[in-house]
Structures are given as structure tokens and as C-alpha cells.
């Protein structure tokens, strides 16, 4: 019968044994192992939302700094914060990358264009 159900024979035997012991139909738990519970509370989330509403240009280090000032004992890594923001609050934060002006100056662009066209 295990092939008809699409499960391993050992799984079917375990289900049958559990059914005989409890008279309840065993079922496979659909909830995935979610791992360690998040250390972010609703207060952390509301504070983060307020920070982002005031200044949408903030990045992870700024948010961690503000949360550390606001809440005593708050210590989460940048990775944990980004994971929580991305998966629970549906917010993505990227650190800005600034390029020097000399790289994009008109003379430099012209020189690079001439070199490329050779």
C-alpha cells in the first residue's frame, strides 16, 4: 500500500503502528521547521517602520544603531536584520555605492570612448 500512497514502506509501517496505538489517522506535519524564533518584537518592527518612514534612505547599520539606542540589550547582526526586513516586513535595504566624480568626468569618458573605438 505504501507505493499507492507514494511514501516509503517504513513510513507506512510507522503510520500503521501509530494508528493501532491511538486509533487516530496519522498525518504528515505540513509545518516546516522554522528554526530559531526571531528576536524581533512588534516594538522593534514599529520602531523600524517609523525610522524608515522618516528617512527611507537609511541602511542596515543606521537601523541597528537606532534600535540599539532605543532598546537596551538589542543586539542583532546586520544579516539577521536584513533577513527579518526582507522576509517579514517586505522591505529591502541596499547600502549606497558612490563613484568618484573623476571616473565620470567628460574628459575621462571621452578618453575611454576613444580607447574603446580603436
Protein backbone atom coordinates (compact mmCIF):
# COMPACT_ATOMS: atom_id res chain seq x y z
CA UNK A 1 0.00 0.00 0.00
CA UNK A 2 2.91 2.37 0.53
CA UNK A 3 3.54 2.61 -3.23
CA UNK A 4 -0.09 3.59 -3.78
CA UNK A 5 0.26 6.35 -1.18
CA UNK A 6 3.59 7.46 -2.60
CA UNK A 7 5.50 7.02 0.68
CA UNK A 8 8.34 4.83 1.82
CA UNK A 9 7.36 1.40 3.22
CA UNK A 10 8.92 2.26 6.58
CA UNK A 11 6.77 5.40 6.77
CA UNK A 12 3.62 3.40 6.03
CA UNK A 13 4.53 0.88 8.76
CA UNK A 14 5.12 3.70 11.25
CA UNK A 15 1.75 5.27 10.35
CA UNK A 16 0.00 1.89 10.74
CA UNK A 17 1.62 1.32 14.13
CA UNK A 18 0.59 4.79 15.31
CA UNK A 19 -2.97 4.18 14.05
CA UNK A 20 -3.17 0.92 16.01
CA UNK A 21 -1.90 2.61 19.18
CA UNK A 22 -4.03 5.76 19.10
CA UNK A 23 -6.95 4.92 16.75
CA UNK A 24 -6.30 8.24 15.04
CA UNK A 25 -5.30 8.70 11.44
CA UNK A 26 -1.66 9.84 11.37
CA UNK A 27 -0.82 12.74 9.15
CA UNK A 28 2.33 14.33 7.97
CA UNK A 29 3.07 17.66 9.61
CA UNK A 30 2.96 20.32 6.92
CA UNK A 31 4.63 22.97 9.05
CA UNK A 32 8.26 23.30 8.12
CA UNK A 33 10.94 23.57 10.75
CA UNK A 34 11.12 27.33 11.11
CA UNK A 35 14.33 27.27 13.12
CA UNK A 36 15.15 29.58 15.95
CA UNK A 37 12.41 32.08 16.78
CA UNK A 38 13.06 35.66 15.77
CA UNK A 39 14.32 38.04 18.43
CA UNK A 40 12.47 40.95 16.79
CA UNK A 41 9.39 42.04 18.67
CA UNK A 42 6.47 44.10 17.46
CA UNK A 43 8.03 47.11 19.20
CA UNK A 44 11.18 46.61 17.13
CA UNK A 45 9.11 46.42 13.95
CA UNK A 46 7.10 49.55 14.71
CA UNK A 47 10.26 51.47 15.57
CA UNK A 48 11.90 50.27 12.33
CA UNK A 49 8.84 51.29 10.30
CA UNK A 50 8.86 54.74 11.91
CA UNK A 51 12.57 55.13 11.14
CA UNK A 52 12.05 54.15 7.51
CA UNK A 53 9.02 56.43 7.18
CA UNK A 54 11.09 59.37 8.43
CA UNK A 55 14.14 58.58 6.28
CA UNK A 56 13.78 55.94 3.53
CA UNK A 57 17.49 56.30 2.69
CA UNK A 58 18.63 54.51 5.87
CA UNK A 59 20.63 51.35 5.58
CA UNK A 60 21.23 48.43 7.94
CA UNK A 61 23.94 49.95 10.14
CA UNK A 62 21.80 53.04 10.77
CA UNK A 63 18.76 50.98 11.73
CA UNK A 64 20.78 48.74 14.06
CA UNK A 65 22.31 51.82 15.70
CA UNK A 66 18.91 53.44 16.26
CA UNK A 67 17.38 50.21 17.62
CA UNK A 68 20.34 49.79 19.97
CA UNK A 69 19.81 53.33 21.29
CA UNK A 70 16.07 52.84 21.66
CA UNK A 71 16.07 49.35 23.21
CA UNK A 72 18.52 48.28 25.88
CA UNK A 73 20.07 44.88 25.18
CA UNK A 74 19.23 44.89 21.47
CA UNK A 75 21.94 43.01 19.64
CA UNK A 76 21.26 41.58 16.21
CA UNK A 77 23.60 41.27 13.30
CA UNK A 78 23.18 43.06 10.01
CA UNK A 79 22.39 39.72 8.38
CA UNK A 80 19.61 38.98 10.88
CA UNK A 81 18.16 42.45 10.41
CA UNK A 82 18.20 42.19 6.60
CA UNK A 83 16.65 38.72 6.75
CA UNK A 84 13.85 39.96 9.02
CA UNK A 85 13.22 43.06 6.92
CA UNK A 86 13.16 41.09 3.67
CA UNK A 87 11.05 38.11 4.81
CA UNK A 88 8.76 39.53 7.49
CA UNK A 89 8.42 43.25 6.76
CA UNK A 90 8.86 43.00 2.96
CA UNK A 91 11.49 45.76 2.89
CA UNK A 92 14.82 45.61 1.09
CA UNK A 93 17.71 47.83 2.03
CA UNK A 94 20.84 48.37 -0.01
CA UNK A 95 23.91 50.28 1.00
CA UNK A 96 24.59 53.12 -1.44
CA UNK A 97 27.74 52.90 -3.53
CA UNK A 98 29.24 56.22 -4.52
CA UNK A 99 31.53 56.57 -7.52
CA UNK A 100 34.16 59.29 -7.69
CA UNK A 101 33.42 62.24 -9.96
CA UNK A 102 36.75 61.86 -11.74
CA UNK A 103 35.64 58.50 -13.10
CA UNK A 104 32.66 60.03 -14.86
CA UNK A 105 34.17 63.34 -15.88
CA UNK A 106 33.71 64.45 -19.50
CA UNK A 107 37.44 64.16 -20.29
CA UNK A 108 37.70 60.70 -18.80
CA UNK A 109 34.58 59.49 -20.63
CA UNK A 110 35.93 60.83 -23.91
CA UNK A 111 39.29 59.09 -23.34
CA UNK A 112 37.58 55.80 -22.57
CA UNK A 113 35.31 56.15 -25.61
CA UNK A 114 38.28 56.77 -27.90
CA UNK A 115 40.14 53.80 -26.43
CA UNK A 116 37.09 51.57 -26.91
CA UNK A 117 36.58 52.64 -30.53
CA UNK A 118 40.17 51.68 -31.56
